[in-house]
N, C-alpha and C. Protein backbone atom coordinates (compact mmCIF):
# COMPACT_ATOMS: atom_id res chain seq x y z
N MET A 1 13.69 -18.35 -7.83
CA MET A 1 12.78 -17.42 -7.54
C MET A 1 13.15 -15.58 -7.74
N MET A 2 12.17 -15.05 -8.09
CA MET A 2 12.29 -13.60 -8.79
C MET A 2 12.53 -12.96 -7.55
N ASP A 3 13.43 -11.83 -7.60
CA ASP A 3 14.29 -11.02 -6.50
C ASP A 3 13.21 -9.54 -6.42
N PHE A 4 12.75 -9.93 -5.25
CA PHE A 4 12.26 -8.97 -4.89
C PHE A 4 12.30 -7.86 -3.38
N GLN A 5 12.00 -6.73 -3.46
CA GLN A 5 12.72 -5.73 -2.52
C GLN A 5 11.32 -5.35 -2.00
N ILE A 6 11.34 -4.46 -0.91
CA ILE A 6 10.50 -3.88 -0.18
C ILE A 6 10.76 -2.80 0.74
N ARG A 7 9.91 -1.87 0.60
CA ARG A 7 10.59 -0.45 1.06
C ARG A 7 9.12 0.78 1.13
N ARG A 8 9.34 1.40 1.98
CA ARG A 8 8.50 2.31 1.79
C ARG A 8 7.93 2.72 1.02
N ALA A 9 6.96 3.50 0.48
CA ALA A 9 6.18 4.15 -0.73
C ALA A 9 7.13 5.87 -0.41
N LYS A 10 6.96 5.95 -1.71
CA LYS A 10 7.99 7.28 -2.11
C LYS A 10 6.99 8.29 -3.41
N LYS A 11 7.07 9.43 -2.98
CA LYS A 11 6.45 10.35 -3.74
C LYS A 11 6.04 9.73 -5.22
N GLU A 12 7.41 9.01 -5.71
CA GLU A 12 7.56 8.76 -6.94
C GLU A 12 6.84 7.84 -7.22
N ASP A 13 6.42 6.92 -6.29
CA ASP A 13 5.99 5.49 -6.70
C ASP A 13 4.38 6.04 -7.03
N CYS A 14 3.81 7.13 -6.56
CA CYS A 14 2.52 6.86 -6.70
C CYS A 14 1.56 6.77 -7.92
N PRO A 15 2.53 6.96 -8.85
CA PRO A 15 1.86 6.50 -10.57
C PRO A 15 1.55 5.02 -10.63
N ALA A 16 2.29 4.53 -10.50
CA ALA A 16 2.37 3.13 -10.12
C ALA A 16 2.19 2.21 -9.10
N MET A 17 1.22 2.91 -8.40
CA MET A 17 0.30 2.60 -6.97
C MET A 17 -1.20 2.63 -7.74
N LEU A 18 -1.28 4.06 -8.49
CA LEU A 18 -2.47 4.23 -9.00
C LEU A 18 -2.60 3.38 -10.46
N ASP A 19 -1.47 2.70 -11.19
CA ASP A 19 -1.76 1.69 -11.96
C ASP A 19 -2.59 0.39 -11.47
N LEU A 20 -2.08 -0.01 -10.02
CA LEU A 20 -2.37 -1.02 -9.39
C LEU A 20 -3.71 -0.99 -8.74
N ILE A 21 -3.77 -0.19 -9.04
CA ILE A 21 -5.21 -0.07 -8.30
C ILE A 21 -6.31 0.10 -9.63
N ARG A 22 -5.87 0.87 -10.52
CA ARG A 22 -6.66 0.66 -11.82
C ARG A 22 -7.07 -0.67 -12.57
N GLU A 23 -5.64 -1.56 -12.17
CA GLU A 23 -5.30 -3.03 -12.39
C GLU A 23 -6.55 -3.48 -11.69
N LEU A 24 -6.20 -3.53 -10.19
CA LEU A 24 -7.90 -4.18 -9.47
C LEU A 24 -9.46 -3.57 -9.75
N ALA A 25 -9.10 -2.55 -9.90
CA ALA A 25 -10.82 -2.05 -10.70
C ALA A 25 -10.97 -2.91 -11.66
N LEU A 26 -10.27 -2.77 -12.73
CA LEU A 26 -10.58 -3.60 -13.77
C LEU A 26 -10.68 -5.27 -13.72
N TYR A 27 -10.05 -5.94 -12.56
CA TYR A 27 -9.94 -7.11 -12.35
C TYR A 27 -11.55 -7.42 -11.58
N GLU A 28 -12.00 -6.28 -10.50
CA GLU A 28 -13.13 -6.10 -10.20
C GLU A 28 -14.54 -5.99 -11.22
N LYS A 29 -14.49 -5.68 -12.73
CA LYS A 29 -15.06 -4.80 -13.36
C LYS A 29 -15.88 -3.92 -12.92
N ALA A 30 -14.69 -2.84 -12.51
CA ALA A 30 -15.36 -1.97 -11.73
C ALA A 30 -14.50 -0.54 -12.23
N PRO A 31 -13.73 -0.43 -13.24
CA PRO A 31 -13.18 0.13 -14.09
C PRO A 31 -12.93 1.99 -14.03
N ASP A 32 -14.55 2.36 -13.68
CA ASP A 32 -14.80 3.58 -13.69
C ASP A 32 -15.04 3.98 -12.32
N GLU A 33 -15.03 2.95 -11.49
CA GLU A 33 -15.21 3.53 -10.07
C GLU A 33 -14.21 4.34 -9.50
N VAL A 34 -12.93 4.38 -9.61
CA VAL A 34 -11.50 5.00 -9.48
C VAL A 34 -11.39 6.09 -9.94
N THR A 35 -11.75 6.91 -9.02
CA THR A 35 -11.74 8.53 -9.85
C THR A 35 -10.92 9.38 -8.83
N VAL A 36 -10.06 8.94 -8.16
CA VAL A 36 -8.89 9.75 -7.32
C VAL A 36 -8.11 10.22 -8.19
N ASN A 37 -7.69 11.95 -8.06
CA ASN A 37 -7.41 12.39 -8.69
C ASN A 37 -5.78 12.18 -8.51
N PRO A 38 -4.93 11.95 -9.45
CA PRO A 38 -3.50 11.65 -9.16
C PRO A 38 -2.73 12.77 -8.25
N ILE A 39 -3.03 14.08 -8.46
CA ILE A 39 -2.66 15.33 -7.45
C ILE A 39 -3.28 14.59 -6.39
N HIS A 40 -4.33 14.52 -6.36
CA HIS A 40 -5.06 14.05 -4.78
C HIS A 40 -4.01 13.04 -4.29
N PHE A 41 -4.25 12.07 -4.77
CA PHE A 41 -3.83 10.69 -3.94
C PHE A 41 -1.96 10.88 -3.83
N GLU A 42 -1.33 11.74 -4.27
CA GLU A 42 -0.21 11.96 -4.13
C GLU A 42 0.09 12.97 -2.85
N GLU A 43 -0.65 13.55 -2.83
CA GLU A 43 -0.85 15.02 -2.06
C GLU A 43 -1.19 14.41 -0.21
N SER A 44 -2.22 13.24 -0.72
CA SER A 44 -2.79 12.81 0.51
C SER A 44 -2.17 11.77 1.17
N GLY A 45 -0.80 11.24 0.50
CA GLY A 45 0.38 10.58 0.97
C GLY A 45 1.54 11.37 1.51
N PHE A 46 2.18 12.27 0.97
CA PHE A 46 3.21 13.16 0.79
C PHE A 46 3.44 14.58 0.84
N GLY A 47 2.10 14.94 1.47
CA GLY A 47 2.01 16.36 1.24
C GLY A 47 2.21 17.10 2.69
N ASP A 48 1.69 17.63 3.54
CA ASP A 48 1.94 18.53 4.36
C ASP A 48 1.22 17.52 5.47
N ASN A 49 0.07 17.41 5.48
CA ASN A 49 -0.68 16.87 6.31
C ASN A 49 -0.94 14.65 5.76
N PRO A 50 -0.12 13.98 5.68
CA PRO A 50 -0.48 12.97 4.98
C PRO A 50 -1.57 11.99 5.79
N VAL A 51 -2.47 11.29 4.70
CA VAL A 51 -2.98 10.68 5.88
C VAL A 51 -3.27 9.12 5.19
N TRP A 52 -2.50 8.93 5.14
CA TRP A 52 -1.70 7.32 4.68
C TRP A 52 -0.03 7.37 4.43
N TRP A 53 -0.28 5.81 4.76
CA TRP A 53 1.19 5.58 4.20
C TRP A 53 0.96 4.18 3.51
N ALA A 54 2.11 4.08 3.21
CA ALA A 54 2.64 2.70 2.19
C ALA A 54 3.83 2.37 2.28
N PHE A 55 3.89 0.45 1.98
CA PHE A 55 5.03 0.21 1.54
C PHE A 55 4.76 -0.38 0.08
N VAL A 56 6.00 -0.55 -0.81
CA VAL A 56 5.74 -0.79 -2.16
C VAL A 56 7.03 -2.10 -2.29
N VAL A 57 6.57 -3.16 -3.46
CA VAL A 57 7.37 -4.44 -3.64
C VAL A 57 7.82 -3.55 -5.43
N GLU A 58 9.02 -4.18 -5.01
CA GLU A 58 9.76 -3.44 -6.12
C GLU A 58 10.54 -5.15 -6.65
N ASN A 59 10.22 -5.43 -8.26
CA ASN A 59 10.91 -6.41 -8.52
C ASN A 59 12.36 -6.20 -8.98
N ALA A 60 13.36 -7.19 -9.89
CA ALA A 60 14.84 -7.01 -9.35
C ALA A 60 14.97 -5.61 -10.78
N GLU A 61 14.08 -5.47 -11.66
CA GLU A 61 14.22 -4.35 -12.62
C GLU A 61 13.88 -3.06 -12.06
N LYS A 62 13.22 -2.85 -10.72
CA LYS A 62 12.81 -1.65 -9.91
C LYS A 62 11.64 -1.33 -10.13
N LYS A 63 10.87 -2.12 -11.08
CA LYS A 63 9.89 -1.81 -10.68
C LYS A 63 8.40 -2.09 -9.59
N VAL A 64 8.08 -1.26 -9.43
CA VAL A 64 6.90 -1.30 -8.38
C VAL A 64 6.04 -2.37 -8.87
N ILE A 65 5.84 -4.07 -8.20
CA ILE A 65 4.73 -4.85 -8.77
C ILE A 65 3.50 -5.10 -7.32
N ALA A 66 3.43 -4.19 -6.24
CA ALA A 66 2.64 -4.76 -5.54
C ALA A 66 3.00 -3.55 -4.16
N PHE A 67 2.03 -3.13 -3.54
CA PHE A 67 1.65 -2.12 -2.10
C PHE A 67 0.91 -2.75 -1.41
N ALA A 68 0.81 -1.86 -0.32
CA ALA A 68 0.26 -2.15 0.55
C ALA A 68 0.36 -0.68 1.07
N LEU A 69 -1.74 -0.04 1.34
CA LEU A 69 -1.87 1.08 1.84
C LEU A 69 -2.31 0.99 2.92
N TYR A 70 -2.02 1.85 4.40
CA TYR A 70 -2.56 2.18 5.45
C TYR A 70 -2.95 3.23 6.11
N TYR A 71 -3.35 3.45 7.01
CA TYR A 71 -4.20 4.74 7.92
C TYR A 71 -4.34 4.79 8.89
N ILE A 72 -3.94 5.64 9.44
CA ILE A 72 -4.00 5.52 11.48
C ILE A 72 -5.24 5.99 11.61
N ARG A 73 -5.75 5.42 12.79
CA ARG A 73 -7.02 5.99 13.28
C ARG A 73 -6.81 5.62 14.90
N TYR A 74 -7.83 6.49 15.50
CA TYR A 74 -7.67 6.60 17.35
C TYR A 74 -9.26 5.94 17.97
N SER A 75 -8.36 5.18 18.76
CA SER A 75 -9.68 4.06 19.59
C SER A 75 -9.96 4.88 20.60
N THR A 76 -10.75 5.22 21.47
CA THR A 76 -11.10 5.64 22.70
C THR A 76 -10.63 4.74 23.66
N TRP A 77 -10.79 3.48 23.37
CA TRP A 77 -10.38 2.65 24.38
C TRP A 77 -9.23 1.90 24.01
N LYS A 78 -8.32 1.79 22.66
CA LYS A 78 -7.54 1.07 22.17
C LYS A 78 -5.99 2.15 22.30
N GLY A 79 -6.39 3.41 21.65
CA GLY A 79 -5.57 4.25 21.66
C GLY A 79 -5.04 4.30 19.89
N GLN A 80 -3.86 4.38 19.40
CA GLN A 80 -3.77 4.45 17.62
C GLN A 80 -3.68 3.14 17.30
N VAL A 81 -4.49 2.94 15.99
CA VAL A 81 -5.03 1.76 15.41
C VAL A 81 -4.81 1.68 14.23
N MET A 82 -3.94 0.61 13.72
CA MET A 82 -3.79 0.55 11.96
C MET A 82 -4.86 0.20 11.15
N TYR A 83 -5.12 0.61 10.05
CA TYR A 83 -6.05 -0.21 9.21
C TYR A 83 -5.86 -0.09 7.41
N LEU A 84 -5.86 -1.37 7.36
CA LEU A 84 -4.89 -1.80 6.06
C LEU A 84 -5.86 -1.16 4.82
N GLU A 85 -5.88 -0.45 3.84
CA GLU A 85 -6.76 -0.15 3.13
C GLU A 85 -6.78 -0.92 2.10
N ASP A 86 -5.60 -1.36 1.30
CA ASP A 86 -5.36 -1.93 0.46
C ASP A 86 -3.95 -2.78 0.40
N ILE A 87 -4.24 -3.65 -0.17
CA ILE A 87 -2.72 -4.86 -0.81
C ILE A 87 -3.45 -5.22 -1.99
N LEU A 88 -1.88 -5.09 -3.04
CA LEU A 88 -2.27 -5.13 -3.94
C LEU A 88 -1.26 -5.58 -4.48
N VAL A 89 -0.95 -6.93 -5.70
CA VAL A 89 0.06 -7.19 -6.06
C VAL A 89 -0.40 -7.68 -7.93
N THR A 90 0.47 -7.16 -8.55
CA THR A 90 -0.14 -7.68 -9.55
C THR A 90 -0.41 -8.64 -10.12
N GLU A 91 -1.33 -9.26 -11.20
CA GLU A 91 -1.80 -10.20 -10.97
C GLU A 91 -0.95 -11.50 -11.84
N ALA A 92 -0.28 -11.08 -12.06
CA ALA A 92 1.21 -12.16 -13.02
C ALA A 92 2.19 -12.79 -11.58
N LEU A 93 1.98 -11.98 -10.40
CA LEU A 93 2.80 -12.07 -9.79
C LEU A 93 2.12 -12.65 -8.55
N ARG A 94 0.86 -13.08 -8.69
CA ARG A 94 0.35 -13.53 -7.15
C ARG A 94 0.69 -14.62 -7.23
N GLY A 95 0.76 -15.06 -5.84
CA GLY A 95 0.96 -16.59 -5.66
C GLY A 95 2.44 -16.62 -5.08
N LYS A 96 3.40 -15.44 -5.08
CA LYS A 96 4.83 -15.78 -4.77
C LYS A 96 5.14 -15.58 -3.75
N GLY A 97 3.80 -15.56 -2.15
CA GLY A 97 4.56 -14.89 -1.20
C GLY A 97 4.38 -13.42 -1.03
N ILE A 98 4.69 -12.47 -1.97
CA ILE A 98 4.51 -11.04 -1.84
C ILE A 98 3.30 -10.55 -0.63
N GLY A 99 2.03 -10.87 -1.19
CA GLY A 99 1.50 -10.59 0.03
C GLY A 99 1.68 -10.87 1.23
N LYS A 100 2.32 -11.93 1.46
CA LYS A 100 2.76 -12.23 3.02
C LYS A 100 3.82 -11.71 3.52
N MET A 101 4.64 -11.18 2.35
CA MET A 101 5.61 -9.95 3.15
C MET A 101 4.93 -9.09 2.94
N LEU A 102 3.83 -8.15 2.50
CA LEU A 102 3.59 -7.14 2.95
C LEU A 102 2.61 -7.43 4.20
N ILE A 103 2.20 -8.35 4.42
CA ILE A 103 1.57 -8.19 6.17
C ILE A 103 2.73 -8.26 6.71
N GLU A 104 3.74 -9.23 6.98
CA GLU A 104 4.46 -9.36 7.93
C GLU A 104 5.19 -7.85 7.96
N ARG A 105 5.57 -6.91 6.92
CA ARG A 105 6.11 -6.15 7.32
C ARG A 105 5.32 -4.97 8.08
N LEU A 106 3.97 -4.76 7.29
CA LEU A 106 3.16 -4.12 7.79
C LEU A 106 2.63 -4.61 9.66
N ILE A 107 2.70 -5.77 10.25
CA ILE A 107 2.93 -6.23 11.49
C ILE A 107 4.03 -5.66 12.05
N GLU A 108 5.08 -5.91 11.60
CA GLU A 108 6.49 -4.76 12.33
C GLU A 108 5.88 -3.53 12.15
N GLU A 109 5.41 -2.66 11.38
CA GLU A 109 5.40 -1.50 11.51
C GLU A 109 4.63 -1.09 12.38
N ALA A 110 3.54 -1.79 13.15
CA ALA A 110 2.68 -1.29 13.90
C ALA A 110 2.93 -1.52 15.30
N ARG A 111 3.85 -2.94 14.96
CA ARG A 111 5.08 -3.10 16.59
C ARG A 111 5.72 -1.64 16.74
N GLU A 112 6.38 -1.43 15.80
CA GLU A 112 7.77 -0.64 15.90
C GLU A 112 6.41 0.81 16.34
N LYS A 113 5.64 1.45 15.99
CA LYS A 113 4.61 2.79 16.83
C LYS A 113 4.10 2.30 17.79
N GLY A 114 3.95 0.75 18.08
CA GLY A 114 2.90 1.01 19.33
C GLY A 114 1.75 1.16 18.88
N PHE A 115 1.15 0.72 17.69
CA PHE A 115 0.00 0.60 17.86
C PHE A 115 -0.84 -0.43 18.53
N LYS A 116 -1.76 -0.33 18.98
CA LYS A 116 -2.83 -1.27 19.67
C LYS A 116 -3.03 -2.61 18.68
N ARG A 117 -3.30 -2.33 17.79
CA ARG A 117 -4.04 -2.91 16.98
C ARG A 117 -3.68 -2.57 15.58
N MET A 118 -4.22 -4.02 14.40
CA MET A 118 -4.11 -3.59 13.21
C MET A 118 -5.50 -4.69 12.57
């Protein structure tokens, strides 16, 4: 079993996260659909007013091999709710429980923050 570590995403992770996004787009046969500017992506998660948050998974070599990116919305009936935008695991490491690990961490985050649903 490989050694995987989950942690909150940092600004420095944005290039690796974008690589995973492009990997998914290629898999989905839509490589030209990823048009987000890297600076905008970084600013949207780590600027003065972030609109997304994420957890990343690193392998033993400290390479980001997966991530889960979420954002918060407000429901007038429920209060703050978490929306999962993407969960990505590099193709070569799928089926090893990494996605499950990310989902479990997201559930923990939702409970910690008092979100009413995910």
